[in-house]
């Protein structure tokens, strides 16, 4: 439901055709991540930033090879990823409230990047 409700205003995870997922968390990508997280918190909606730094910056991967030009996408993504509530007890009404709250926030902060 998040993909359908938010896919035109944020980059939202989707299943491949015919695919299914048991989402452990549901991540969206938006350049307004920090403001959106604060707004959701003000509305009593939890959200989490799981991906604080890129994989290649973490200790486990520090010795892996890198391109000479850097990893610009990997550097940028952690600044834009926010995880929304996702669990088996999340009602459709709660999902609707989360979607509406995000749509209202993004809509009131005009510059956004719709995902393809």
N, C-alpha and C. Protein backbone atom coordinates (compact mmCIF):
# COMPACT_ATOMS: atom_id res chain seq x y z
N UNK A 1 0.82 -1.20 0.00
CA UNK A 1 0.00 0.00 0.00
C UNK A 1 0.85 1.26 0.00
N UNK A 2 2.01 1.21 0.66
CA UNK A 2 2.88 2.39 0.65
C UNK A 2 3.29 2.75 -0.78
N UNK A 3 3.67 1.75 -1.57
CA UNK A 3 4.12 2.02 -2.94
C UNK A 3 3.03 2.71 -3.74
N UNK A 4 1.80 2.24 -3.62
CA UNK A 4 0.70 2.84 -4.36
C UNK A 4 0.38 4.23 -3.83
N UNK A 5 0.43 4.41 -2.52
CA UNK A 5 0.06 5.68 -1.91
C UNK A 5 1.13 6.75 -1.96
N UNK A 6 2.39 6.33 -2.12
CA UNK A 6 3.49 7.29 -2.04
C UNK A 6 4.39 7.32 -3.27
N UNK A 7 4.24 6.35 -4.15
CA UNK A 7 5.17 6.17 -5.26
C UNK A 7 5.31 7.35 -6.20
N UNK A 8 4.35 8.26 -6.21
CA UNK A 8 4.47 9.42 -7.09
C UNK A 8 5.18 10.60 -6.43
N UNK A 9 5.47 10.51 -5.12
CA UNK A 9 6.12 11.64 -4.44
C UNK A 9 7.44 11.28 -3.77
N UNK A 10 7.69 10.00 -3.55
CA UNK A 10 8.97 9.52 -3.01
C UNK A 10 9.36 8.27 -3.78
N UNK A 11 10.59 7.87 -3.66
CA UNK A 11 10.98 6.59 -4.24
C UNK A 11 10.60 5.52 -3.23
N UNK A 12 9.70 4.66 -3.62
CA UNK A 12 9.17 3.64 -2.71
C UNK A 12 9.52 2.25 -3.21
N UNK A 13 9.83 1.37 -2.29
CA UNK A 13 10.15 -0.01 -2.64
C UNK A 13 8.92 -0.68 -3.25
N UNK A 14 9.16 -1.52 -4.22
CA UNK A 14 8.08 -2.26 -4.89
C UNK A 14 8.52 -3.70 -5.10
N UNK A 15 7.56 -4.59 -5.14
CA UNK A 15 7.84 -5.98 -5.50
C UNK A 15 7.92 -6.08 -7.02
N UNK A 16 8.73 -6.99 -7.49
CA UNK A 16 8.74 -7.31 -8.91
C UNK A 16 7.42 -7.95 -9.27
N UNK A 17 7.03 -7.89 -10.53
CA UNK A 17 5.79 -8.52 -10.96
C UNK A 17 5.76 -9.97 -10.51
N UNK A 18 4.70 -10.33 -9.83
CA UNK A 18 4.55 -11.70 -9.36
C UNK A 18 5.32 -11.99 -8.09
N UNK A 19 6.10 -11.04 -7.61
CA UNK A 19 6.90 -11.25 -6.41
C UNK A 19 6.15 -10.91 -5.14
N UNK A 20 6.65 -11.42 -4.05
CA UNK A 20 6.09 -11.15 -2.73
C UNK A 20 7.24 -10.86 -1.78
N UNK A 21 6.95 -10.15 -0.71
CA UNK A 21 7.98 -9.85 0.26
C UNK A 21 7.40 -9.92 1.67
N UNK A 22 8.22 -10.34 2.59
CA UNK A 22 7.90 -10.26 4.01
C UNK A 22 8.78 -9.13 4.55
N UNK A 23 8.36 -7.89 4.31
CA UNK A 23 9.16 -6.72 4.64
C UNK A 23 9.59 -6.73 6.10
N UNK A 24 10.87 -6.60 6.34
CA UNK A 24 11.39 -6.43 7.70
C UNK A 24 11.29 -4.95 8.08
N UNK A 25 11.51 -4.10 7.12
CA UNK A 25 11.26 -2.67 7.24
C UNK A 25 10.90 -2.17 5.85
N UNK A 26 10.29 -1.01 5.79
CA UNK A 26 9.90 -0.47 4.50
C UNK A 26 10.59 0.87 4.32
N UNK A 27 11.53 0.91 3.40
CA UNK A 27 12.33 2.11 3.18
C UNK A 27 11.78 2.93 2.02
N UNK A 28 11.77 4.25 2.23
CA UNK A 28 11.47 5.19 1.16
C UNK A 28 12.67 6.10 0.99
N UNK A 29 12.77 6.71 -0.18
CA UNK A 29 13.86 7.64 -0.45
C UNK A 29 13.28 9.01 -0.77
N UNK A 30 13.74 10.02 -0.05
CA UNK A 30 13.30 11.39 -0.28
C UNK A 30 14.40 12.35 0.14
N UNK A 31 14.60 13.43 -0.62
CA UNK A 31 15.58 14.43 -0.20
C UNK A 31 15.12 15.18 1.05
N UNK A 32 13.88 15.02 1.45
CA UNK A 32 13.33 15.68 2.64
C UNK A 32 13.30 14.75 3.85
N UNK A 33 14.19 13.77 3.89
CA UNK A 33 14.17 12.75 4.92
C UNK A 33 14.15 13.31 6.34
N UNK A 34 15.06 14.20 6.68
CA UNK A 34 15.16 14.66 8.06
C UNK A 34 13.93 15.45 8.49
N UNK A 35 13.45 16.33 7.63
CA UNK A 35 12.24 17.07 7.95
C UNK A 35 11.02 16.17 8.05
N UNK A 36 10.94 15.19 7.15
CA UNK A 36 9.83 14.24 7.18
C UNK A 36 9.87 13.41 8.46
N UNK A 37 11.04 12.95 8.85
CA UNK A 37 11.16 12.17 10.09
C UNK A 37 10.67 12.99 11.28
N UNK A 38 11.08 14.26 11.36
CA UNK A 38 10.64 15.13 12.45
C UNK A 38 9.12 15.32 12.42
N UNK A 39 8.58 15.53 11.24
CA UNK A 39 7.13 15.73 11.08
C UNK A 39 6.36 14.48 11.51
N UNK A 40 6.81 13.32 11.07
CA UNK A 40 6.15 12.08 11.48
C UNK A 40 6.18 11.93 12.99
N UNK A 41 7.33 12.23 13.60
CA UNK A 41 7.44 12.15 15.06
C UNK A 41 6.46 13.07 15.77
N UNK A 42 6.30 14.29 15.24
CA UNK A 42 5.34 15.24 15.82
C UNK A 42 3.92 14.71 15.75
N UNK A 43 3.64 13.89 14.75
CA UNK A 43 2.31 13.31 14.57
C UNK A 43 2.16 11.96 15.27
N UNK A 44 3.20 11.55 16.00
CA UNK A 44 3.14 10.28 16.73
C UNK A 44 3.38 9.06 15.87
N UNK A 45 3.97 9.25 14.70
CA UNK A 45 4.24 8.14 13.78
C UNK A 45 5.73 7.82 13.83
N UNK A 46 6.08 6.62 14.25
CA UNK A 46 7.51 6.28 14.33
C UNK A 46 8.12 6.08 12.95
N UNK A 47 9.38 6.41 12.85
CA UNK A 47 10.16 6.12 11.64
C UNK A 47 11.60 5.94 12.10
N UNK A 48 12.40 5.26 11.29
CA UNK A 48 13.76 4.92 11.71
C UNK A 48 14.73 5.15 10.56
N UNK A 49 15.90 5.65 10.90
CA UNK A 49 17.00 5.75 9.93
C UNK A 49 17.95 4.61 10.26
N UNK A 50 17.85 3.52 9.52
CA UNK A 50 18.70 2.35 9.75
C UNK A 50 20.05 2.51 9.06
N UNK A 51 20.06 3.19 7.94
CA UNK A 51 21.25 3.26 7.10
C UNK A 51 21.91 4.62 7.27
N UNK A 52 22.72 4.74 8.31
CA UNK A 52 23.33 6.03 8.65
C UNK A 52 24.52 6.35 7.77
N UNK A 53 25.30 5.35 7.43
CA UNK A 53 26.45 5.58 6.56
C UNK A 53 26.53 4.50 5.50
N UNK A 54 27.18 4.80 4.40
CA UNK A 54 27.27 3.82 3.31
C UNK A 54 28.07 2.59 3.72
N UNK A 55 27.77 1.48 3.08
CA UNK A 55 28.45 0.22 3.41
C UNK A 55 29.96 0.33 3.32
N UNK A 56 30.46 0.99 2.28
CA UNK A 56 31.91 1.05 2.10
C UNK A 56 32.60 1.87 3.19
N UNK A 57 31.83 2.62 3.98
CA UNK A 57 32.40 3.38 5.09
C UNK A 57 32.37 2.61 6.40
N UNK A 58 31.74 1.47 6.41
CA UNK A 58 31.66 0.68 7.63
C UNK A 58 32.89 -0.20 7.78
N UNK A 59 33.23 -0.50 9.00
CA UNK A 59 34.46 -1.25 9.30
C UNK A 59 34.55 -2.54 8.51
N UNK A 60 33.47 -3.27 8.41
CA UNK A 60 33.50 -4.58 7.73
C UNK A 60 33.89 -4.47 6.25
N UNK A 61 33.67 -3.32 5.65
CA UNK A 61 33.91 -3.16 4.22
C UNK A 61 35.04 -2.18 3.89
N UNK A 62 35.72 -1.68 4.88
CA UNK A 62 36.72 -0.63 4.62
C UNK A 62 37.87 -1.07 3.73
N UNK A 63 38.17 -2.37 3.69
CA UNK A 63 39.28 -2.85 2.87
C UNK A 63 38.85 -3.33 1.48
N UNK A 64 37.58 -3.20 1.17
CA UNK A 64 37.10 -3.61 -0.16
C UNK A 64 37.54 -2.58 -1.19
N UNK A 65 37.77 -3.01 -2.43
CA UNK A 65 38.21 -2.06 -3.46
C UNK A 65 37.13 -1.02 -3.76
N UNK A 66 37.58 0.15 -4.15
CA UNK A 66 36.69 1.24 -4.53
C UNK A 66 37.11 1.77 -5.89
N UNK A 67 36.20 2.42 -6.55
CA UNK A 67 36.55 3.03 -7.83
C UNK A 67 37.37 4.29 -7.58
N UNK A 68 38.24 4.65 -8.48
CA UNK A 68 39.05 5.86 -8.30
C UNK A 68 38.20 7.14 -8.24
N UNK A 69 37.02 7.10 -8.85
CA UNK A 69 36.16 8.29 -8.87
C UNK A 69 35.23 8.36 -7.67
N UNK A 70 35.30 7.38 -6.78
CA UNK A 70 34.46 7.40 -5.60
C UNK A 70 33.15 6.67 -5.79
N UNK A 71 32.33 6.71 -4.78
CA UNK A 71 31.04 6.02 -4.80
C UNK A 71 29.95 7.03 -4.45
N UNK A 72 29.71 7.94 -5.37
CA UNK A 72 28.81 9.07 -5.12
C UNK A 72 27.40 8.64 -4.73
N UNK A 73 26.85 7.66 -5.41
CA UNK A 73 25.49 7.21 -5.10
C UNK A 73 25.46 6.59 -3.71
N UNK A 74 26.44 5.77 -3.39
CA UNK A 74 26.52 5.15 -2.07
C UNK A 74 26.69 6.19 -0.97
N UNK A 75 27.38 7.27 -1.27
CA UNK A 75 27.56 8.34 -0.30
C UNK A 75 26.26 9.12 -0.08
N UNK A 76 25.49 9.28 -1.13
CA UNK A 76 24.29 10.11 -1.07
C UNK A 76 23.07 9.39 -0.50
N UNK A 77 22.88 8.13 -0.83
CA UNK A 77 21.66 7.42 -0.42
C UNK A 77 21.39 7.42 1.08
N UNK A 78 22.36 7.19 1.94
CA UNK A 78 22.04 7.18 3.37
C UNK A 78 21.46 8.49 3.88
N UNK A 79 21.63 9.57 3.17
CA UNK A 79 21.07 10.86 3.56
C UNK A 79 19.60 10.99 3.20
N UNK A 80 19.09 10.04 2.40
CA UNK A 80 17.72 10.16 1.88
C UNK A 80 16.81 8.98 2.22
N UNK A 81 17.31 7.98 2.93
CA UNK A 81 16.51 6.78 3.20
C UNK A 81 15.87 6.86 4.59
N UNK A 82 14.56 6.61 4.63
CA UNK A 82 13.81 6.60 5.89
C UNK A 82 12.93 5.36 5.90
N UNK A 83 12.89 4.66 7.01
CA UNK A 83 12.07 3.45 7.12
C UNK A 83 10.78 3.75 7.87
N UNK A 84 9.69 3.31 7.29
CA UNK A 84 8.35 3.53 7.82
C UNK A 84 7.88 2.33 8.63
N UNK A 85 6.86 2.52 9.46
CA UNK A 85 6.32 1.38 10.20
C UNK A 85 5.89 0.26 9.26
N UNK A 86 6.27 -0.96 9.61
CA UNK A 86 5.90 -2.13 8.81
C UNK A 86 5.91 -3.33 9.74
N UNK A 87 4.73 -3.83 10.04
CA UNK A 87 4.61 -5.02 10.88
C UNK A 87 3.23 -5.63 10.65
N UNK A 88 3.02 -6.87 11.08
CA UNK A 88 1.77 -7.55 10.76
C UNK A 88 0.54 -6.96 11.45
N UNK A 89 0.73 -6.12 12.45
CA UNK A 89 -0.40 -5.56 13.18
C UNK A 89 -0.74 -4.14 12.74
N UNK A 90 -0.10 -3.67 11.69
CA UNK A 90 -0.35 -2.33 11.17
C UNK A 90 -1.66 -2.35 10.38
N UNK A 91 -2.65 -1.65 10.90
CA UNK A 91 -3.98 -1.68 10.26
C UNK A 91 -3.99 -0.83 8.99
N UNK A 92 -4.98 -1.07 8.16
CA UNK A 92 -5.14 -0.26 6.95
C UNK A 92 -5.38 1.19 7.32
N UNK A 93 -6.12 1.43 8.41
CA UNK A 93 -6.36 2.81 8.85
C UNK A 93 -5.05 3.49 9.25
N UNK A 94 -4.18 2.76 9.94
CA UNK A 94 -2.87 3.33 10.30
C UNK A 94 -2.04 3.58 9.05
N UNK A 95 -2.07 2.65 8.11
CA UNK A 95 -1.34 2.85 6.85
C UNK A 95 -1.86 4.10 6.12
N UNK A 96 -3.17 4.25 6.08
CA UNK A 96 -3.76 5.42 5.43
C UNK A 96 -3.30 6.71 6.11
N UNK A 97 -3.26 6.70 7.44
CA UNK A 97 -2.83 7.89 8.18
C UNK A 97 -1.36 8.22 7.88
N UNK A 98 -0.52 7.20 7.83
CA UNK A 98 0.90 7.40 7.53
C UNK A 98 1.06 7.97 6.12
N UNK A 99 0.37 7.37 5.17
CA UNK A 99 0.44 7.84 3.78
C UNK A 99 -0.05 9.28 3.68
N UNK A 100 -1.19 9.58 4.28
CA UNK A 100 -1.74 10.93 4.22
C UNK A 100 -0.80 11.94 4.88
N UNK A 101 -0.21 11.58 6.01
CA UNK A 101 0.71 12.48 6.71
C UNK A 101 1.93 12.78 5.84
N UNK A 102 2.47 11.76 5.19
CA UNK A 102 3.63 11.96 4.31
C UNK A 102 3.23 12.81 3.11
N UNK A 103 2.10 12.50 2.50
CA UNK A 103 1.65 13.26 1.32
C UNK A 103 1.44 14.73 1.69
N UNK A 104 0.84 14.99 2.84
CA UNK A 104 0.62 16.37 3.26
C UNK A 104 1.94 17.09 3.49
N UNK A 105 2.89 16.42 4.11
CA UNK A 105 4.19 17.05 4.37
C UNK A 105 4.93 17.34 3.06
N UNK A 106 5.02 16.36 2.20
CA UNK A 106 5.74 16.55 0.94
C UNK A 106 5.03 17.60 0.09
N UNK A 107 3.70 17.57 0.08
CA UNK A 107 2.94 18.55 -0.70
C UNK A 107 3.10 19.97 -0.20
N UNK A 108 3.27 20.15 1.11
CA UNK A 108 3.43 21.49 1.67
C UNK A 108 4.87 21.99 1.55
N UNK A 109 5.77 21.11 1.17
CA UNK A 109 7.18 21.45 0.95
C UNK A 109 7.49 21.15 -0.51
N UNK A 110 7.10 22.07 -1.37
CA UNK A 110 6.93 21.86 -2.80
C UNK A 110 8.01 21.11 -3.55
N UNK A 111 9.28 21.38 -3.34
CA UNK A 111 10.32 20.74 -4.16
C UNK A 111 10.52 19.30 -3.70
N UNK A 112 10.15 18.37 -4.53
CA UNK A 112 10.37 16.95 -4.22
C UNK A 112 10.79 16.23 -5.48
N UNK A 113 11.27 15.05 -5.28
CA UNK A 113 11.71 14.24 -6.41
C UNK A 113 10.82 13.01 -6.48
N UNK A 114 9.99 12.92 -7.48
CA UNK A 114 9.18 11.73 -7.66
C UNK A 114 10.06 10.63 -8.22
N UNK A 115 9.86 9.45 -7.75
CA UNK A 115 10.70 8.32 -8.16
C UNK A 115 10.09 7.58 -9.33
N UNK A 116 10.95 7.02 -10.10
CA UNK A 116 10.48 6.18 -11.20
C UNK A 116 10.59 4.73 -10.81
